[in-house]
Amino acid sequence: MKNKIRSFIVTIVVLGFSLLAWEGIGKLLNIITSNSIQRVVSELILAIIGSVILLVFGLLRVIKPSFKGIKEGLFAGTTIIVLSALFLISGLTGVNEHELIPASEIILFIIEMIFIGVAEEILFRGFVLNRMYEIFGKDTYKGVLLSIVSSAVFFGIPHLLNALEPQISFGSALIQMVLVIPMGIIFGAAYHRSKRNIWLCVFLHALLDATSLISTGILWGVTEQESIGSYNAMKIIPLLIYTGTAIWVIRKEKIMQ
């Protein structure tokens, strides 16, 4: 028990220091380069930090490309795919009414979304979820459930850091955190059901982030900070969808298949 508690604390500390270091580097980059390039480089740095952590903890194997469990993982992520399609359609319907940002900015946005998927999945599913497996176990439903839910909570809480941005209120950041936790459960379920295929989760994560931002107008100049800053009580609808899906995908008869 003491070893498990120690492992839990070590995981929290490593995650915390990694995110704080990444946040500091991001602020520094923001001073010396353009905002778009800063975000791309910042996410690349987080991916590198996550990979180093995997190496240190003997988990580098989790980023090995695999075609295992793709069907099962996609099934767990069905809601993500459907919502992403709806977000994309919603965003593209407004294209003709606005002037698009330059093509170079669109390319940087796409690269950023890919890097976000890679960085956050390496850190939260690759590192945190696998550490939770070591603590709670992955051979029983209780162990898998505790691992996925706890890693999703750790995934959600850091989004409160967005409140440090002047355009984002603490309330909006809090709403985002509450939204992200059930999303983290869905990503965790997809990871588990795909036999820990992290690249499937990268795809789902990048797809959802990109399309949700497109739906709020990022292609015609609405910034990521403005998008998050607009979060309000109306987000109860996607929250209910994410939460219902999370409960569905982690039920015993499916998650232990």
Protein backbone atom coordinates (compact mmCIF):
# COMPACT_ATOMS: atom_id res chain seq x y z
CA MET A 1 0.00 0.00 0.00
CA LYS A 2 2.82 2.42 0.87
CA ASN A 3 4.45 1.77 -2.50
CA LYS A 4 1.16 2.52 -4.28
CA ILE A 5 0.71 5.76 -2.36
CA ARG A 6 4.28 6.72 -3.18
CA SER A 7 3.74 5.94 -6.86
CA PHE A 8 0.55 8.01 -6.85
CA ILE A 9 2.31 11.00 -5.31
CA VAL A 10 5.28 10.68 -7.68
CA THR A 11 2.90 10.66 -10.65
CA ILE A 12 1.14 13.82 -9.44
CA VAL A 13 4.43 15.61 -8.76
CA VAL A 14 5.97 14.67 -12.13
CA LEU A 15 2.81 15.71 -13.96
CA GLY A 16 2.58 18.99 -12.04
CA PHE A 17 6.19 19.99 -12.57
CA SER A 18 6.00 19.03 -16.25
CA LEU A 19 2.94 21.19 -16.86
CA LEU A 20 4.34 24.14 -14.91
CA ALA A 21 7.62 23.93 -16.83
CA TRP A 22 5.69 23.74 -20.10
CA GLU A 23 3.55 26.72 -19.13
CA GLY A 24 6.66 28.74 -18.30
CA ILE A 25 8.34 27.84 -21.59
CA GLY A 26 5.15 28.80 -23.43
CA LYS A 27 5.12 32.25 -21.81
CA LEU A 28 8.76 32.74 -22.78
CA LEU A 29 8.10 31.68 -26.37
CA ASN A 30 5.20 34.10 -26.53
CA ILE A 31 7.64 36.94 -25.96
CA ILE A 32 10.11 35.97 -28.67
CA THR A 33 7.87 34.63 -31.48
CA SER A 34 4.44 35.00 -33.08
CA ASN A 35 1.42 33.56 -31.30
CA SER A 36 0.72 30.85 -33.90
CA ILE A 37 4.31 29.59 -33.99
CA GLN A 38 4.50 29.82 -30.21
CA ARG A 39 1.55 27.46 -29.80
CA VAL A 40 2.97 24.93 -32.28
CA VAL A 41 6.44 24.94 -30.69
CA SER A 42 4.92 24.85 -27.21
CA GLU A 43 2.92 21.70 -27.97
CA LEU A 44 5.98 20.11 -29.59
CA ILE A 45 7.94 20.79 -26.42
CA LEU A 46 5.20 19.19 -24.30
CA ALA A 47 5.35 16.11 -26.54
CA ILE A 48 9.12 15.95 -26.01
CA ILE A 49 8.70 16.38 -22.24
CA GLY A 50 6.12 13.58 -22.22
CA SER A 51 8.38 11.29 -24.24
CA VAL A 52 11.29 11.89 -21.85
CA ILE A 53 8.99 11.04 -18.92
CA LEU A 54 7.97 7.80 -20.65
CA LEU A 55 11.64 6.96 -21.16
CA VAL A 56 12.51 7.65 -17.50
CA PHE A 57 9.62 5.52 -16.22
CA GLY A 58 10.20 2.67 -18.67
CA LEU A 59 7.00 3.33 -20.60
CA LEU A 60 8.43 4.31 -23.98
CA ARG A 61 6.90 1.16 -25.48
CA VAL A 62 3.44 2.74 -25.31
CA ILE A 63 4.18 5.05 -28.26
CA LYS A 64 5.13 2.16 -30.54
CA PRO A 65 2.83 2.31 -33.61
CA SER A 66 0.22 -0.43 -33.62
CA PHE A 67 -2.82 -1.49 -35.63
CA LYS A 68 -4.28 -3.48 -32.74
CA GLY A 69 -7.74 -2.78 -31.45
CA ILE A 70 -8.57 -0.01 -33.92
CA LYS A 71 -12.17 -1.19 -34.43
CA GLU A 72 -12.82 -1.48 -30.69
CA GLY A 73 -11.20 1.89 -30.00
CA LEU A 74 -13.17 3.63 -32.74
CA PHE A 75 -16.37 2.12 -31.37
CA ALA A 76 -15.58 3.60 -27.95
CA GLY A 77 -14.88 6.92 -29.67
CA THR A 78 -18.00 6.91 -31.87
CA THR A 79 -19.53 9.90 -30.08
CA ILE A 80 -16.29 11.85 -30.56
CA ILE A 81 -16.36 11.13 -34.30
CA VAL A 82 -20.04 12.05 -34.68
CA LEU A 83 -19.68 15.28 -32.69
CA SER A 84 -16.54 16.18 -34.65
CA ALA A 85 -18.47 15.79 -37.91
CA LEU A 86 -21.24 18.04 -36.57
CA PHE A 87 -18.70 20.62 -35.34
CA LEU A 88 -17.00 20.61 -38.76
CA ILE A 89 -20.28 21.07 -40.62
CA SER A 90 -21.28 23.87 -38.23
CA GLY A 91 -17.98 25.66 -38.73
CA LEU A 92 -17.84 25.31 -42.50
CA THR A 93 -21.36 26.68 -42.97
CA GLY A 94 -20.08 30.07 -41.87
CA VAL A 95 -17.06 30.15 -44.16
CA ASN A 96 -18.80 32.06 -46.96
CA GLU A 97 -19.86 34.79 -44.55
CA HIS A 98 -16.35 35.60 -43.29
CA GLU A 99 -12.89 36.30 -44.58
CA LEU A 100 -10.64 33.34 -43.90
CA ILE A 101 -7.32 33.67 -42.10
CA PRO A 102 -4.21 33.21 -44.32
CA ALA A 103 -3.43 29.71 -45.57
CA SER A 104 -0.19 29.71 -43.55
CA GLU A 105 -2.22 30.24 -40.36
CA ILE A 106 -4.58 27.39 -41.27
CA ILE A 107 -1.60 25.08 -41.81
CA LEU A 108 -0.12 26.09 -38.45
CA PHE A 109 -3.50 25.46 -36.82
CA ILE A 110 -3.66 21.94 -38.25
CA ILE A 111 -0.09 21.21 -37.11
CA GLU A 112 -0.90 22.58 -33.66
CA MET A 113 -3.96 20.34 -33.32
CA ILE A 114 -1.89 17.28 -34.27
CA PHE A 115 0.80 18.22 -31.76
CA ILE A 116 -1.83 18.79 -29.05
CA GLY A 117 -3.17 15.30 -29.66
CA VAL A 118 0.31 13.78 -29.56
CA ALA A 119 1.50 15.75 -26.52
CA GLU A 120 -1.56 15.33 -24.32
CA GLU A 121 -2.11 11.67 -25.17
CA ILE A 122 1.53 10.84 -24.47
CA LEU A 123 1.31 12.61 -21.12
CA PHE A 124 -2.17 11.65 -19.91
CA ARG A 125 -2.83 8.25 -21.46
CA GLY A 126 0.76 7.18 -22.09
CA PHE A 127 2.12 8.25 -18.70
CA VAL A 128 -0.68 8.98 -16.23
CA LEU A 129 -3.13 6.22 -17.22
CA ASN A 130 -0.40 3.58 -17.35
CA ARG A 131 0.84 4.70 -13.94
CA MET A 132 -2.73 4.37 -12.64
CA TYR A 133 -2.84 0.85 -14.08
CA GLU A 134 0.27 0.04 -12.04
CA ILE A 135 -1.38 1.41 -8.90
CA PHE A 136 -4.98 0.18 -9.25
CA GLY A 137 -4.48 -2.73 -11.65
CA LYS A 138 -5.74 -3.43 -15.16
CA ASP A 139 -7.04 -6.98 -14.76
CA THR A 140 -10.16 -6.19 -12.73
CA TYR A 141 -13.07 -3.90 -13.54
CA LYS A 142 -12.53 -1.92 -10.35
CA GLY A 143 -8.87 -1.36 -11.19
CA VAL A 144 -9.57 -0.31 -14.78
CA LEU A 145 -12.42 1.98 -13.71
CA LEU A 146 -10.33 3.72 -11.05
CA SER A 147 -7.40 4.05 -13.47
CA ILE A 148 -9.44 5.60 -16.27
CA VAL A 149 -11.47 7.95 -14.05
CA SER A 150 -8.48 9.18 -12.02
CA SER A 151 -6.42 9.80 -15.16
CA ALA A 152 -9.38 11.71 -16.64
CA VAL A 153 -9.53 13.93 -13.54
CA PHE A 154 -5.80 14.63 -13.87
CA PHE A 155 -6.46 15.41 -17.53
CA GLY A 156 -9.19 17.90 -16.68
CA ILE A 157 -7.68 19.83 -13.78
CA PRO A 158 -4.74 21.41 -15.69
CA HIS A 159 -7.22 23.13 -18.00
CA LEU A 160 -7.85 25.54 -15.12
CA LEU A 161 -4.48 27.04 -16.09
CA ASN A 162 -6.31 28.61 -19.03
CA ALA A 163 -7.75 31.09 -16.52
CA LEU A 164 -4.30 32.71 -16.54
CA GLU A 165 -5.12 34.02 -20.02
CA PRO A 166 -6.64 37.53 -19.88
CA GLN A 167 -9.47 36.60 -22.28
CA ILE A 168 -10.57 33.59 -20.18
CA SER A 169 -12.43 33.96 -16.90
CA PHE A 170 -12.07 31.42 -14.10
CA GLY A 171 -15.70 30.43 -14.69
CA SER A 172 -15.07 29.63 -18.35
CA ALA A 173 -11.94 27.65 -17.46
CA LEU A 174 -13.90 25.76 -14.81
CA ILE A 175 -16.61 24.87 -17.34
CA GLN A 176 -13.91 23.67 -19.73
CA MET A 177 -12.41 21.49 -17.00
CA VAL A 178 -15.79 19.93 -16.22
CA LEU A 179 -16.27 19.23 -19.95
CA VAL A 180 -12.82 17.75 -20.36
CA ILE A 181 -13.09 15.17 -17.56
CA PRO A 182 -15.77 12.99 -19.25
CA MET A 183 -13.88 13.48 -22.52
CA GLY A 184 -10.83 12.08 -20.74
CA ILE A 185 -12.89 9.06 -19.66
CA ILE A 186 -13.88 8.47 -23.29
CA PHE A 187 -10.25 8.76 -24.44
CA GLY A 188 -9.22 6.42 -21.63
CA ALA A 189 -11.88 3.88 -22.59
CA ALA A 190 -10.79 4.07 -26.24
CA TYR A 191 -7.18 3.55 -25.13
CA HIS A 192 -8.07 0.54 -22.99
CA ARG A 193 -10.41 -1.08 -25.49
CA SER A 194 -7.93 -0.62 -28.35
CA LYS A 195 -5.36 -2.65 -26.39
CA ARG A 196 -3.60 0.61 -25.47
CA ASN A 197 -3.21 1.98 -28.97
CA ILE A 198 -2.16 5.53 -28.14
CA TRP A 199 -2.15 6.69 -31.77
CA LEU A 200 -5.85 5.99 -32.08
CA CYS A 201 -6.39 8.32 -29.11
CA VAL A 202 -4.14 10.93 -30.74
CA PHE A 203 -6.39 10.83 -33.80
CA LEU A 204 -9.61 11.17 -31.76
CA HIS A 205 -8.15 13.93 -29.60
CA ALA A 206 -6.78 16.00 -32.49
CA LEU A 207 -10.00 15.54 -34.46
CA LEU A 208 -12.22 16.75 -31.61
CA ASP A 209 -10.03 19.71 -30.70
CA ALA A 210 -9.70 20.88 -34.31
CA THR A 211 -13.35 20.59 -35.25
CA SER A 212 -14.64 22.14 -32.01
CA LEU A 213 -12.45 25.19 -32.62
CA ILE A 214 -13.51 25.34 -36.28
CA SER A 215 -17.14 25.43 -35.10
CA THR A 216 -16.40 28.55 -33.04
CA GLY A 217 -14.82 30.44 -35.95
CA ILE A 218 -11.08 29.93 -35.67
CA LEU A 219 -10.83 29.81 -39.49
CA TRP A 220 -11.89 33.45 -39.70
CA GLY A 221 -9.92 34.85 -36.80
CA VAL A 222 -11.60 33.88 -33.53
CA THR A 223 -8.71 32.94 -31.23
CA GLU A 224 -8.51 29.82 -29.09
CA GLN A 225 -8.60 32.03 -25.99
CA GLU A 226 -11.74 33.81 -27.19
CA SER A 227 -13.36 30.47 -27.96
CA ILE A 228 -12.69 29.09 -24.47
CA GLY A 229 -13.59 32.45 -22.93
CA SER A 230 -17.07 32.16 -24.45
CA TYR A 231 -17.85 28.99 -22.47
CA ASN A 232 -21.01 29.44 -20.41
CA ALA A 233 -23.96 27.51 -18.97
CA MET A 234 -25.06 26.53 -22.50
CA LYS A 235 -22.23 23.98 -22.45
CA ILE A 236 -24.55 21.82 -20.32
CA ILE A 237 -25.73 20.15 -23.55
CA PRO A 238 -22.32 18.81 -24.67
CA LEU A 239 -21.55 18.05 -21.01
CA LEU A 240 -24.57 15.77 -20.83
CA ILE A 241 -23.55 14.11 -24.11
CA TYR A 242 -19.95 13.56 -22.98
CA THR A 243 -21.00 12.35 -19.53
CA GLY A 244 -23.63 9.97 -20.89
CA THR A 245 -21.13 8.58 -23.38
CA ALA A 246 -18.46 8.22 -20.69
CA ILE A 247 -20.82 6.20 -18.49
CA TRP A 248 -21.79 4.04 -21.48
CA VAL A 249 -18.25 3.23 -22.67
CA ILE A 250 -16.88 2.28 -19.24
CA ARG A 251 -19.64 -0.14 -18.29
CA LYS A 252 -18.24 -3.48 -17.19
CA GLU A 253 -19.46 -5.65 -20.05
CA LYS A 254 -17.69 -3.44 -22.60
CA ILE A 255 -14.55 -2.16 -20.92
CA MET A 256 -13.42 -5.66 -19.91
CA GLN A 257 -13.82 -7.19 -23.36
